[in-house]
Amino acid sequence: MGDFLFAARSGLGFLTTIPVGISMEGLAALGKRLYLFPVIGSVIGVLMGCAGYLFELFLPSQVASVVIIVSLYYLTGINHLDGLADFGDGVVAHGSREKKIGAMRDVSLGIGGVVFCAI
């Protein structure tokens, strides 16, 4: 049970900006329990859904929507948006498979990333 909680804590720290303490041993334990990724993602989703409901009670709908999206990006460290931008860069890159993968690994933001994030 201790190894399970160790892996879950490391997963929460890996997927969010919550400072729970991540170690290589914890990430190795998480690697053996890949089923924890959707569980941790669901916990994050439920927490943010509850926060969104509370924001909706006290703020106008449009403001609450912006606040919850910004909160979610802050909580997850904008990892999903970065992945979407990298995917967009790879989709619009012309050439071989290696060139497309190179565009996704490039640290600079390309026009494909901008368009995918804007849509």
PDB file of N, CA and C in Angstrom:
ATOM      1  N   MET A   1       0.826  -1.198   0.000  1.00  0.00           N
ATOM      2  CA  MET A   1       0.000   0.000   0.000  1.00  0.00           C
ATOM      3  C   MET A   1       0.864   1.253   0.000  1.00  0.00           C
ATOM      4  N   GLY A   2       1.989   1.216   0.689  1.00  0.00           N
ATOM      5  CA  GLY A   2       2.871   2.370   0.739  1.00  0.00           C
ATOM      6  C   GLY A   2       3.446   2.705  -0.627  1.00  0.00           C
ATOM      7  N   ASP A   3       3.778   1.661  -1.416  1.00  0.00           N
ATOM      8  CA  ASP A   3       4.318   1.878  -2.752  1.00  0.00           C
ATOM      9  C   ASP A   3       3.256   2.472  -3.675  1.00  0.00           C
ATOM     10  N   PHE A   4       2.007   2.058  -3.485  1.00  0.00           N
ATOM     11  CA  PHE A   4       0.894   2.607  -4.266  1.00  0.00           C
ATOM     12  C   PHE A   4       0.724   4.093  -3.989  1.00  0.00           C
ATOM     13  N   LEU A   5       0.723   4.470  -2.723  1.00  0.00           N
ATOM     14  CA  LEU A   5       0.573   5.881  -2.364  1.00  0.00           C
ATOM     15  C   LEU A   5       1.783   6.696  -2.807  1.00  0.00           C
ATOM     16  N   PHE A   6       2.953   6.090  -2.746  1.00  0.00           N
ATOM     17  CA  PHE A   6       4.174   6.739  -3.216  1.00  0.00           C
ATOM     18  C   PHE A   6       4.065   7.038  -4.710  1.00  0.00           C
ATOM     19  N   ALA A   7       3.558   6.063  -5.472  1.00  0.00           N
ATOM     20  CA  ALA A   7       3.378   6.247  -6.914  1.00  0.00           C
ATOM     21  C   ALA A   7       2.300   7.286  -7.200  1.00  0.00           C
ATOM     22  N   ALA A   8       1.205   7.256  -6.447  1.00  0.00           N
ATOM     23  CA  ALA A   8       0.121   8.223  -6.653  1.00  0.00           C
ATOM     24  C   ALA A   8       0.594   9.641  -6.340  1.00  0.00           C
ATOM     25  N   ARG A   9       1.356   9.793  -5.280  1.00  0.00           N
ATOM     26  CA  ARG A   9       1.881  11.116  -4.927  1.00  0.00           C
ATOM     27  C   ARG A   9       2.836  11.624  -6.005  1.00  0.00           C
ATOM     28  N   SER A  10       3.684  10.749  -6.500  1.00  0.00           N
ATOM     29  CA  SER A  10       4.598  11.145  -7.568  1.00  0.00           C
ATOM     30  C   SER A  10       3.834  11.492  -8.842  1.00  0.00           C
ATOM     31  N   GLY A  11       2.774  10.759  -9.119  1.00  0.00           N
ATOM     32  CA  GLY A  11       1.948  11.062 -10.288  1.00  0.00           C
ATOM     33  C   GLY A  11       1.263  12.403 -10.168  1.00  0.00           C
ATOM     34  N   LEU A  12       0.780  12.714  -8.981  1.00  0.00           N
ATOM     35  CA  LEU A  12       0.148  14.014  -8.762  1.00  0.00           C
ATOM     36  C   LEU A  12       1.169  15.137  -8.937  1.00  0.00           C
ATOM     37  N   GLY A  13       2.366  14.924  -8.449  1.00  0.00           N
ATOM     38  CA  GLY A  13       3.414  15.922  -8.621  1.00  0.00           C
ATOM     39  C   GLY A  13       3.880  16.042 -10.057  1.00  0.00           C
ATOM     40  N   PHE A  14       3.850  14.923 -10.785  1.00  0.00           N
ATOM     41  CA  PHE A  14       4.278  14.930 -12.186  1.00  0.00           C
ATOM     42  C   PHE A  14       3.262  15.637 -13.082  1.00  0.00           C
ATOM     43  N   LEU A  15       1.981  15.436 -12.812  1.00  0.00           N
ATOM     44  CA  LEU A  15       0.931  15.987 -13.670  1.00  0.00           C
ATOM     45  C   LEU A  15       0.470  17.379 -13.264  1.00  0.00           C
ATOM     46  N   THR A  16       0.883  17.856 -12.099  1.00  0.00           N
ATOM     47  CA  THR A  16       0.451  19.173 -11.636  1.00  0.00           C
ATOM     48  C   THR A  16       1.654  19.963 -11.132  1.00  0.00           C
ATOM     49  N   THR A  17       1.375  21.166 -10.683  1.00  0.00           N
ATOM     50  CA  THR A  17       2.418  21.992 -10.074  1.00  0.00           C
ATOM     51  C   THR A  17       2.350  21.936  -8.552  1.00  0.00           C
ATOM     52  N   ILE A  18       1.567  21.019  -8.014  1.00  0.00           N
ATOM     53  CA  ILE A  18       1.441  20.875  -6.564  1.00  0.00           C
ATOM     54  C   ILE A  18       2.756  20.311  -6.019  1.00  0.00           C
ATOM     55  N   PRO A  19       3.375  20.979  -5.051  1.00  0.00           N
ATOM     56  CA  PRO A  19       4.676  20.517  -4.544  1.00  0.00           C
ATOM     57  C   PRO A  19       4.539  19.375  -3.540  1.00  0.00           C
ATOM     58  N   VAL A  20       4.350  18.161  -4.053  1.00  0.00           N
ATOM     59  CA  VAL A  20       4.212  16.998  -3.181  1.00  0.00           C
ATOM     60  C   VAL A  20       5.512  16.228  -3.047  1.00  0.00           C
ATOM     61  N   GLY A  21       6.511  16.605  -3.795  1.00  0.00           N
ATOM     62  CA  GLY A  21       7.797  15.920  -3.734  1.00  0.00           C
ATOM     63  C   GLY A  21       7.848  14.757  -4.711  1.00  0.00           C
ATOM     64  N   ILE A  22       8.713  14.874  -5.689  1.00  0.00           N
ATOM     65  CA  ILE A  22       8.877  13.831  -6.701  1.00  0.00           C
ATOM     66  C   ILE A  22      10.292  13.290  -6.589  1.00  0.00           C
ATOM     67  N   SER A  23      10.406  11.975  -6.652  1.00  0.00           N
ATOM     68  CA  SER A  23      11.726  11.354  -6.651  1.00  0.00           C
ATOM     69  C   SER A  23      11.786  10.346  -7.791  1.00  0.00           C
ATOM     70  N   MET A  24      12.965   9.942  -8.139  1.00  0.00           N
ATOM     71  CA  MET A  24      13.123   8.951  -9.203  1.00  0.00           C
ATOM     72  C   MET A  24      12.500   7.619  -8.798  1.00  0.00           C
ATOM     73  N   GLU A  25      12.562   7.294  -7.510  1.00  0.00           N
ATOM     74  CA  GLU A  25      11.949   6.052  -7.045  1.00  0.00           C
ATOM     75  C   GLU A  25      10.432   6.118  -7.189  1.00  0.00           C
ATOM     76  N   GLY A  26       9.867   7.288  -6.886  1.00  0.00           N
ATOM     77  CA  GLY A  26       8.425   7.462  -7.032  1.00  0.00           C
ATOM     78  C   GLY A  26       7.991   7.385  -8.480  1.00  0.00           C
ATOM     79  N   LEU A  27       8.777   7.972  -9.373  1.00  0.00           N
ATOM     80  CA  LEU A  27       8.449   7.896 -10.795  1.00  0.00           C
ATOM     81  C   LEU A  27       8.596   6.473 -11.317  1.00  0.00           C
ATOM     82  N   ALA A  28       9.569   5.732 -10.787  1.00  0.00           N
ATOM     83  CA  ALA A  28       9.712   4.325 -11.175  1.00  0.00           C
ATOM     84  C   ALA A  28       8.504   3.521 -10.698  1.00  0.00           C
ATOM     85  N   ALA A  29       8.033   3.803  -9.484  1.00  0.00           N
ATOM     86  CA  ALA A  29       6.831   3.132  -8.979  1.00  0.00           C
ATOM     87  C   ALA A  29       5.616   3.517  -9.811  1.00  0.00           C
ATOM     88  N   LEU A  30       5.555   4.771 -10.236  1.00  0.00           N
ATOM     89  CA  LEU A  30       4.454   5.221 -11.090  1.00  0.00           C
ATOM     90  C   LEU A  30       4.514   4.529 -12.447  1.00  0.00           C
ATOM     91  N   GLY A  31       5.710   4.319 -12.965  1.00  0.00           N
ATOM     92  CA  GLY A  31       5.865   3.632 -14.241  1.00  0.00           C
ATOM     93  C   GLY A  31       5.339   2.209 -14.208  1.00  0.00           C
ATOM     94  N   LYS A  32       5.328   1.582 -13.042  1.00  0.00           N
ATOM     95  CA  LYS A  32       4.784   0.231 -12.895  1.00  0.00           C
ATOM     96  C   LYS A  32       3.271   0.246 -12.702  1.00  0.00           C
ATOM     97  N   ARG A  33       2.719   1.421 -12.477  1.00  0.00           N
ATOM     98  CA  ARG A  33       1.274   1.558 -12.241  1.00  0.00           C
ATOM     99  C   ARG A  33       0.701   2.629 -13.173  1.00  0.00           C
ATOM    100  N   LEU A  34       0.772   2.382 -14.449  1.00  0.00           N
ATOM    101  CA  LEU A  34       0.317   3.365 -15.434  1.00  0.00           C
ATOM    102  C   LEU A  34      -1.180   3.636 -15.345  1.00  0.00           C
ATOM    103  N   TYR A  35      -1.935   2.719 -14.736  1.00  0.00           N
ATOM    104  CA  TYR A  35      -3.369   2.935 -14.576  1.00  0.00           C
ATOM    105  C   TYR A  35      -3.667   4.119 -13.665  1.00  0.00           C
ATOM    106  N   LEU A  36      -2.668   4.608 -12.942  1.00  0.00           N
ATOM    107  CA  LEU A  36      -2.890   5.759 -12.062  1.00  0.00           C
ATOM    108  C   LEU A  36      -3.016   7.074 -12.824  1.00  0.00           C
ATOM    109  N   PHE A  37      -2.506   7.142 -14.049  1.00  0.00           N
ATOM    110  CA  PHE A  37      -2.594   8.395 -14.806  1.00  0.00           C
ATOM    111  C   PHE A  37      -4.039   8.837 -15.026  1.00  0.00           C
ATOM    112  N   PRO A  38      -4.938   7.977 -15.530  1.00  0.00           N
ATOM    113  CA  PRO A  38      -6.325   8.443 -15.667  1.00  0.00           C
ATOM    114  C   PRO A  38      -7.014   8.663 -14.323  1.00  0.00           C
ATOM    115  N   VAL A  39      -6.605   7.938 -13.300  1.00  0.00           N
ATOM    116  CA  VAL A  39      -7.193   8.146 -11.972  1.00  0.00           C
ATOM    117  C   VAL A  39      -6.819   9.527 -11.449  1.00  0.00           C
ATOM    118  N   ILE A  40      -5.549   9.871 -11.545  1.00  0.00           N
ATOM    119  CA  ILE A  40      -5.090  11.186 -11.087  1.00  0.00           C
ATOM    120  C   ILE A  40      -5.707  12.287 -11.949  1.00  0.00           C
ATOM    121  N   GLY A  41      -5.791  12.058 -13.258  1.00  0.00           N
ATOM    122  CA  GLY A  41      -6.445  13.022 -14.135  1.00  0.00           C
ATOM    123  C   GLY A  41      -7.904  13.223 -13.773  1.00  0.00           C
ATOM    124  N   SER A  42      -8.580  12.147 -13.384  1.00  0.00           N
ATOM    125  CA  SER A  42      -9.980  12.255 -12.962  1.00  0.00           C
ATOM    126  C   SER A  42     -10.107  13.041 -11.667  1.00  0.00           C
ATOM    127  N   VAL A  43      -9.186  12.822 -10.744  1.00  0.00           N
ATOM    128  CA  VAL A  43      -9.202  13.582  -9.488  1.00  0.00           C
ATOM    129  C   VAL A  43      -9.011  15.071  -9.775  1.00  0.00           C
ATOM    130  N   ILE A  44      -8.071  15.389 -10.648  1.00  0.00           N
ATOM    131  CA  ILE A  44      -7.852  16.788 -11.028  1.00  0.00           C
ATOM    132  C   ILE A  44      -9.110  17.352 -11.677  1.00  0.00           C
ATOM    133  N   GLY A  45      -9.731  16.581 -12.569  1.00  0.00           N
ATOM    134  CA  GLY A  45     -10.948  17.025 -13.238  1.00  0.00           C
ATOM    135  C   GLY A  45     -12.099  17.255 -12.284  1.00  0.00           C
ATOM    136  N   VAL A  46     -12.271  16.371 -11.314  1.00  0.00           N
ATOM    137  CA  VAL A  46     -13.348  16.543 -10.331  1.00  0.00           C
ATOM    138  C   VAL A  46     -13.094  17.777  -9.471  1.00  0.00           C
ATOM    139  N   LEU A  47     -11.852  17.955  -9.031  1.00  0.00           N
ATOM    140  CA  LEU A  47     -11.529  19.144  -8.234  1.00  0.00           C
ATOM    141  C   LEU A  47     -11.772  20.428  -9.017  1.00  0.00           C
ATOM    142  N   MET A  48     -11.347  20.456 -10.259  1.00  0.00           N
ATOM    143  CA  MET A  48     -11.548  21.653 -11.072  1.00  0.00           C
ATOM    144  C   MET A  48     -13.015  21.834 -11.436  1.00  0.00           C
ATOM    145  N   GLY A  49     -13.754  20.743 -11.601  1.00  0.00           N
ATOM    146  CA  GLY A  49     -15.190  20.846 -11.848  1.00  0.00           C
ATOM    147  C   GLY A  49     -15.923  21.437 -10.657  1.00  0.00           C
ATOM    148  N   CYS A  50     -15.553  21.014  -9.458  1.00  0.00           N
ATOM    149  CA  CYS A  50     -16.149  21.593  -8.242  1.00  0.00           C
ATOM    150  C   CYS A  50     -15.787  23.069  -8.110  1.00  0.00           C
ATOM    151  N   ALA A  51     -14.540  23.395  -8.410  1.00  0.00           N
ATOM    152  CA  ALA A  51     -14.128  24.800  -8.369  1.00  0.00           C
ATOM    153  C   ALA A  51     -14.900  25.613  -9.402  1.00  0.00           C
ATOM    154  N   GLY A  52     -15.101  25.051 -10.582  1.00  0.00           N
ATOM    155  CA  GLY A  52     -15.871  25.736 -11.615  1.00  0.00           C
ATOM    156  C   GLY A  52     -17.307  25.969 -11.195  1.00  0.00           C
ATOM    157  N   TYR A  53     -17.890  24.986 -10.528  1.00  0.00           N
ATOM    158  CA  TYR A  53     -19.260  25.143 -10.028  1.00  0.00           C
ATOM    159  C   TYR A  53     -19.330  26.279  -9.012  1.00  0.00           C
ATOM    160  N   LEU A  54     -18.352  26.331  -8.116  1.00  0.00           N
ATOM    161  CA  LEU A  54     -18.336  27.408  -7.121  1.00  0.00           C
ATOM    162  C   LEU A  54     -18.100  28.770  -7.768  1.00  0.00           C
ATOM    163  N   PHE A  55     -17.202  28.825  -8.744  1.00  0.00           N
ATOM    164  CA  PHE A  55     -16.985  30.090  -9.457  1.00  0.00           C
ATOM    165  C   PHE A  55     -18.261  30.542 -10.155  1.00  0.00           C
ATOM    166  N   GLU A  56     -19.003  29.586 -10.698  1.00  0.00           N
ATOM    167  CA  GLU A  56     -20.240  29.898 -11.415  1.00  0.00           C
ATOM    168  C   GLU A  56     -21.301  30.475 -10.482  1.00  0.00           C
ATOM    169  N   LEU A  57     -21.254  30.099  -9.221  1.00  0.00           N
ATOM    170  CA  LEU A  57     -22.227  30.625  -8.253  1.00  0.00           C
ATOM    171  C   LEU A  57     -21.995  32.097  -7.946  1.00  0.00           C
ATOM    172  N   PHE A  58     -20.740  32.529  -7.979  1.00  0.00           N
ATOM    173  CA  PHE A  58     -20.404  33.876  -7.525  1.00  0.00           C
ATOM    174  C   PHE A  58     -19.973  34.830  -8.640  1.00  0.00           C
ATOM    175  N   LEU A  59     -19.689  34.311  -9.811  1.00  0.00           N
ATOM    176  CA  LEU A  59     -19.200  35.144 -10.910  1.00  0.00           C
ATOM    177  C   LEU A  59     -20.097  34.971 -12.134  1.00  0.00           C
ATOM    178  N   PRO A  60     -20.114  35.948 -13.020  1.00  0.00           N
ATOM    179  CA  PRO A  60     -20.825  35.757 -14.293  1.00  0.00           C
ATOM    180  C   PRO A  60     -20.218  34.587 -15.074  1.00  0.00           C
ATOM    181  N   SER A  61     -21.018  33.963 -15.911  1.00  0.00           N
ATOM    182  CA  SER A  61     -20.591  32.750 -16.614  1.00  0.00           C
ATOM    183  C   SER A  61     -19.309  32.943 -17.415  1.00  0.00           C
ATOM    184  N   GLN A  62     -19.208  34.047 -18.138  1.00  0.00           N
ATOM    185  CA  GLN A  62     -18.029  34.264 -18.967  1.00  0.00           C
ATOM    186  C   GLN A  62     -16.773  34.433 -18.114  1.00  0.00           C
ATOM    187  N   VAL A  63     -16.888  35.151 -17.028  1.00  0.00           N
ATOM    188  CA  VAL A  63     -15.741  35.359 -16.135  1.00  0.00           C
ATOM    189  C   VAL A  63     -15.363  34.046 -15.459  1.00  0.00           C
ATOM    190  N   ALA A  64     -16.369  33.290 -15.014  1.00  0.00           N
ATOM    191  CA  ALA A  64     -16.105  32.004 -14.369  1.00  0.00           C
ATOM    192  C   ALA A  64     -15.403  31.051 -15.332  1.00  0.00           C
ATOM    193  N   SER A  65     -15.795  31.066 -16.599  1.00  0.00           N
ATOM    194  CA  SER A  65     -15.160  30.201 -17.594  1.00  0.00           C
ATOM    195  C   SER A  65     -13.686  30.537 -17.761  1.00  0.00           C
ATOM    196  N   VAL A  66     -13.378  31.810 -17.853  1.00  0.00           N
ATOM    197  CA  VAL A  66     -11.984  32.230 -18.006  1.00  0.00           C
ATOM    198  C   VAL A  66     -11.184  31.877 -16.756  1.00  0.00           C
ATOM    199  N   VAL A  67     -11.759  32.111 -15.589  1.00  0.00           N
ATOM    200  CA  VAL A  67     -11.057  31.823 -14.332  1.00  0.00           C
ATOM    201  C   VAL A  67     -10.766  30.336 -14.202  1.00  0.00           C
ATOM    202  N   ILE A  68     -11.709  29.475 -14.559  1.00  0.00           N
ATOM    203  CA  ILE A  68     -11.485  28.038 -14.403  1.00  0.00           C
ATOM    204  C   ILE A  68     -10.452  27.534 -15.411  1.00  0.00           C
ATOM    205  N   ILE A  69     -10.457  28.065 -16.628  1.00  0.00           N
ATOM    206  CA  ILE A  69      -9.450  27.645 -17.612  1.00  0.00           C
ATOM    207  C   ILE A  69      -8.059  28.093 -17.180  1.00  0.00           C
ATOM    208  N   VAL A  70      -7.945  29.328 -16.715  1.00  0.00           N
ATOM    209  CA  VAL A  70      -6.652  29.822 -16.232  1.00  0.00           C
ATOM    210  C   VAL A  70      -6.202  29.009 -15.016  1.00  0.00           C
ATOM    211  N   SER A  71      -7.131  28.680 -14.123  1.00  0.00           N
ATOM    212  CA  SER A  71      -6.798  27.875 -12.943  1.00  0.00           C
ATOM    213  C   SER A  71      -6.316  26.489 -13.343  1.00  0.00           C
ATOM    214  N   LEU A  72      -6.982  25.887 -14.315  1.00  0.00           N
ATOM    215  CA  LEU A  72      -6.581  24.559 -14.771  1.00  0.00           C
ATOM    216  C   LEU A  72      -5.195  24.594 -15.409  1.00  0.00           C
ATOM    217  N   TYR A  73      -4.946  25.606 -16.234  1.00  0.00           N
ATOM    218  CA  TYR A  73      -3.619  25.727 -16.834  1.00  0.00           C
ATOM    219  C   TYR A  73      -2.556  25.989 -15.771  1.00  0.00           C
ATOM    220  N   TYR A  74      -2.883  26.779 -14.768  1.00  0.00           N
ATOM    221  CA  TYR A  74      -1.926  27.044 -13.690  1.00  0.00           C
ATOM    222  C   TYR A  74      -1.650  25.763 -12.901  1.00  0.00           C
ATOM    223  N   LEU A  75      -2.701  25.002 -12.602  1.00  0.00           N
ATOM    224  CA  LEU A  75      -2.553  23.778 -11.819  1.00  0.00           C
ATOM    225  C   LEU A  75      -1.738  22.726 -12.565  1.00  0.00           C
ATOM    226  N   THR A  76      -1.937  22.615 -13.867  1.00  0.00           N
ATOM    227  CA  THR A  76      -1.237  21.582 -14.631  1.00  0.00           C
ATOM    228  C   THR A  76       0.058  22.078 -15.255  1.00  0.00           C
ATOM    229  N   GLY A  77       0.427  23.318 -15.022  1.00  0.00           N
ATOM    230  CA  GLY A  77       1.682  23.834 -15.549  1.00  0.00           C
ATOM    231  C   GLY A  77       1.671  24.030 -17.055  1.00  0.00           C
ATOM    232  N   ILE A  78       0.525  24.183 -17.644  1.00  0.00           N
ATOM    233  CA  ILE A  78       0.334  24.444 -19.073  1.00  0.00           C
ATOM    234  C   ILE A  78       0.909  23.312 -19.943  1.00  0.00           C
ATOM    235  N   ASN A  79       1.048  22.121 -19.400  1.00  0.00           N
ATOM    236  CA  ASN A  79       1.596  21.000 -20.166  1.00  0.00           C
ATOM    237  C   ASN A  79       0.718  20.627 -21.353  1.00  0.00           C
ATOM    238  N   HIS A  80      -0.601  20.643 -21.172  1.00  0.00           N
ATOM    239  CA  HIS A  80      -1.490  20.251 -22.255  1.00  0.00           C
ATOM    240  C   HIS A  80      -1.439  21.246 -23.411  1.00  0.00           C
ATOM    241  N   LEU A  81      -1.377  22.515 -23.096  1.00  0.00           N
ATOM    242  CA  LEU A  81      -1.312  23.533 -24.145  1.00  0.00           C
ATOM    243  C   LEU A  81       0.011  23.435 -24.906  1.00  0.00           C
ATOM    244  N   ASP A  82       1.082  23.148 -24.209  1.00  0.00           N
ATOM    245  CA  ASP A  82       2.381  22.976 -24.860  1.00  0.00           C
ATOM    246  C   ASP A  82       2.356  21.762 -25.784  1.00  0.00           C
ATOM    247  N   GLY A  83       1.749  20.674 -25.332  1.00  0.00           N
ATOM    248  CA  GLY A  83       1.633  19.485 -26.173  1.00  0.00           C
ATOM    249  C   GLY A  83       0.786  19.736 -27.409  1.00  0.00           C
ATOM    250  N   LEU A  84      -0.300  20.493 -27.249  1.00  0.00           N
ATOM    251  CA  LEU A  84      -1.143  20.835 -28.392  1.00  0.00           C
ATOM    252  C   LEU A  84      -0.376  21.691 -29.396  1.00  0.00           C
ATOM    253  N   ALA A  85       0.403  22.646 -28.898  1.00  0.00           N
ATOM    254  CA  ALA A  85       1.199  23.498 -29.788  1.00  0.00           C
ATOM    255  C   ALA A  85       2.252  22.675 -30.528  1.00  0.00           C
ATOM    256  N   ASP A  86       2.910  21.750 -29.844  1.00  0.00           N
ATOM    257  CA  ASP A  86       3.896  20.889 -30.504  1.00  0.00           C
ATOM    258  C   ASP A  86       3.236  20.022 -31.572  1.00  0.00           C
ATOM    259  N   PHE A  87       2.041  19.501 -31.260  1.00  0.00           N
ATOM    260  CA  PHE A  87       1.305  18.695 -32.234  1.00  0.00           C
ATOM    261  C   PHE A  87       0.963  19.524 -33.468  1.00  0.00           C
ATOM    262  N   GLY A  88       0.513  20.751 -33.256  1.00  0.00           N
ATOM    263  CA  GLY A  88       0.189  21.632 -34.376  1.00  0.00           C
ATOM    264  C   GLY A  88       1.396  21.911 -35.245  1.00  0.00           C
ATOM    265  N   ASP A  89       2.547  22.116 -34.627  1.00  0.00           N
ATOM    266  CA  ASP A  89       3.776  22.326 -35.398  1.00  0.00           C
ATOM    267  C   ASP A  89       4.111  21.098 -36.238  1.00  0.00           C
ATOM    268  N   GLY A  90       3.906  19.921 -35.673  1.00  0.00           N
ATOM    269  CA  GLY A  90       4.187  18.693 -36.417  1.00  0.00           C
ATOM    270  C   GLY A  90       3.224  18.465 -37.564  1.00  0.00           C
ATOM    271  N   VAL A  91       1.965  18.839 -37.379  1.00  0.00           N
ATOM    272  CA  VAL A  91       0.967  18.642 -38.431  1.00  0.00           C
ATOM    273  C   VAL A  91       1.263  19.511 -39.649  1.00  0.00           C
ATOM    274  N   VAL A  92       1.650  20.755 -39.431  1.00  0.00           N
ATOM    275  CA  VAL A  92       1.856  21.660 -40.570  1.00  0.00           C
ATOM    276  C   VAL A  92       3.258  21.569 -41.170  1.00  0.00           C
ATOM    277  N   ALA A  93       4.152  20.823 -40.547  1.00  0.00           N
ATOM    278  CA  ALA A  93       5.508  20.686 -41.094  1.00  0.00           C
ATOM    279  C   ALA A  93       5.469  19.827 -42.357  1.00  0.00           C
ATOM    280  N   HIS A  94       6.163  20.261 -43.386  1.00  0.00           N
ATOM    281  CA  HIS A  94       6.239  19.517 -44.642  1.00  0.00           C
ATOM    282  C   HIS A  94       7.505  18.676 -44.642  1.00  0.00           C
ATOM    283  N   GLY A  95       7.409  17.522 -45.265  1.00  0.00           N
ATOM    284  CA  GLY A  95       8.599  16.703 -45.401  1.00  0.00           C
ATOM    285  C   GLY A  95       8.428  15.328 -44.790  1.00  0.00           C
ATOM    286  N   SER A  96       9.541  14.734 -44.456  1.00  0.00           N
ATOM    287  CA  SER A  96       9.563  13.363 -43.956  1.00  0.00           C
ATOM    288  C   SER A  96       9.060  13.289 -42.514  1.00  0.00           C
ATOM    289  N   ARG A  97       8.908  12.065 -42.074  1.00  0.00           N
ATOM    290  CA  ARG A  97       8.468  11.819 -40.698  1.00  0.00           C
ATOM    291  C   ARG A  97       9.459  12.414 -39.701  1.00  0.00           C
ATOM    292  N   GLU A  98      10.730  12.282 -39.982  1.00  0.00           N
ATOM    293  CA  GLU A  98      11.763  12.810 -39.092  1.00  0.00           C
ATOM    294  C   GLU A  98      11.686  14.332 -38.991  1.00  0.00           C
ATOM    295  N   LYS A  99      11.364  14.981 -40.105  1.00  0.00           N
ATOM    296  CA  LYS A  99      11.242  16.435 -40.095  1.00  0.00           C
ATOM    297  C   LYS A  99      10.036  16.868 -39.256  1.00  0.00           C
ATOM    298  N   LYS A 100       8.936  16.114 -39.336  1.00  0.00           N
ATOM    299  CA  LYS A 100       7.746  16.426 -38.539  1.00  0.00           C
ATOM    300  C   LYS A 100       8.031  16.237 -37.045  1.00  0.00           C
ATOM    301  N   ILE A 101       8.718  15.158 -36.708  1.00  0.00           N
ATOM    302  CA  ILE A 101       9.076  14.920 -35.307  1.00  0.00           C
ATOM    303  C   ILE A 101      10.046  15.988 -34.825  1.00  0.00           C
ATOM    304  N   GLY A 102      10.964  16.398 -35.699  1.00  0.00           N
ATOM    305  CA  GLY A 102      11.887  17.479 -35.354  1.00  0.00           C
ATOM    306  C   GLY A 102      11.161  18.781 -35.075  1.00  0.00           C
ATOM    307  N   ALA A 103      10.098  19.050 -35.835  1.00  0.00           N
ATOM    308  CA  ALA A 103       9.305  20.264 -35.598  1.00  0.00           C
ATOM    309  C   ALA A 103       8.597  20.193 -34.250  1.00  0.00           C
ATOM    310  N   MET A 104       8.154  18.999 -33.869  1.00  0.00           N
ATOM    311  CA  MET A 104       7.485  18.858 -32.572  1.00  0.00           C
ATOM    312  C   MET A 104       8.471  18.977 -31.416  1.00  0.00           C
ATOM    313  N   ARG A 105       9.700  18.562 -31.621  1.00  0.00           N
ATOM    314  CA  ARG A 105      10.707  18.641 -30.557  1.00  0.00           C
ATOM    315  C   ARG A 105      11.361  20.011 -30.453  1.00  0.00           C
ATOM    316  N   ASP A 106      11.200  20.834 -31.465  1.00  0.00           N
ATOM    317  CA  ASP A 106      11.794  22.170 -31.472  1.00  0.00           C
ATOM    318  C   ASP A 106      11.196  22.999 -30.335  1.00  0.00           C
ATOM    319  N   VAL A 107      12.039  23.717 -29.620  1.00  0.00           N
ATOM    320  CA  VAL A 107      11.560  24.483 -28.464  1.00  0.00           C
ATOM    321  C   VAL A 107      10.838  25.763 -28.858  1.00  0.00           C
ATOM    322  N   SER A 108      11.027  26.222 -30.086  1.00  0.00           N
ATOM    323  CA  SER A 108      10.346  27.451 -30.500  1.00  0.00           C
ATOM    324  C   SER A 108       8.935  27.131 -30.991  1.00  0.00           C
ATOM    325  N   LEU A 109       8.061  28.107 -30.865  1.00  0.00           N
ATOM    326  CA  LEU A 109       6.668  27.954 -31.265  1.00  0.00           C
ATOM    327  C   LEU A 109       6.518  28.326 -32.728  1.00  0.00           C
ATOM    328  N   GLY A 110       5.945  27.414 -33.501  1.00  0.00           N
ATOM    329  CA  GLY A 110       5.726  27.668 -34.917  1.00  0.00           C
ATOM    330  C   GLY A 110       4.300  28.119 -35.183  1.00  0.00           C
ATOM    331  N   ILE A 111       4.026  28.408 -36.442  1.00  0.00           N
ATOM    332  CA  ILE A 111       2.703  28.895 -36.817  1.00  0.00           C
ATOM    333  C   ILE A 111       1.632  27.827 -36.596  1.00  0.00           C
ATOM    334  N   GLY A 112       1.986  26.561 -36.783  1.00  0.00           N
ATOM    335  CA  GLY A 112       1.024  25.489 -36.529  1.00  0.00           C
ATOM    336  C   GLY A 112       0.604  25.443 -35.073  1.00  0.00           C
ATOM    337  N   GLY A 113       1.555  25.643 -34.182  1.00  0.00           N
ATOM    338  CA  GLY A 113       1.233  25.676 -32.756  1.00  0.00           C
ATOM    339  C   GLY A 113       0.343  26.839 -32.397  1.00  0.00           C
ATOM    340  N   VAL A 114       0.608  27.987 -33.004  1.00  0.00           N
ATOM    341  CA  VAL A 114      -0.215  29.175 -32.745  1.00  0.00           C
ATOM    342  C   VAL A 114      -1.641  28.938 -33.216  1.00  0.00           C
ATOM    343  N   VAL A 115      -1.785  28.399 -34.433  1.00  0.00           N
ATOM    344  CA  VAL A 115      -3.118  28.171 -34.993  1.00  0.00           C
ATOM    345  C   VAL A 115      -3.872  27.129 -34.182  1.00  0.00           C
ATOM    346  N   PHE A 116      -3.226  26.030 -33.817  1.00  0.00           N
ATOM    347  CA  PHE A 116      -3.906  24.987 -33.055  1.00  0.00           C
ATOM    348  C   PHE A 116      -4.349  25.492 -31.683  1.00  0.00           C
ATOM    349  N   CYS A 117      -3.543  26.324 -31.052  1.00  0.00           N
ATOM    350  CA  CYS A 117      -3.915  26.863 -29.738  1.00  0.00           C
ATOM    351  C   CYS A 117      -5.014  27.915 -29.857  1.00  0.00           C
ATOM    352  N   ALA A 118      -5.004  28.675 -30.949  1.00  0.00           N
ATOM    353  CA  ALA A 118      -6.014  29.723 -31.125  1.00  0.00           C
ATOM    354  C   ALA A 118      -7.382  29.131 -31.442  1.00  0.00           C
ATOM    355  N   ILE A 119      -7.394  28.002 -32.135  1.00  0.00           N
ATOM    356  CA  ILE A 119      -8.667  27.377 -32.494  1.00  0.00           C
ATOM    357  C   ILE A 119      -9.215  26.688 -31.278  1.00  0.00           C
TER     358      ILE A 119
END
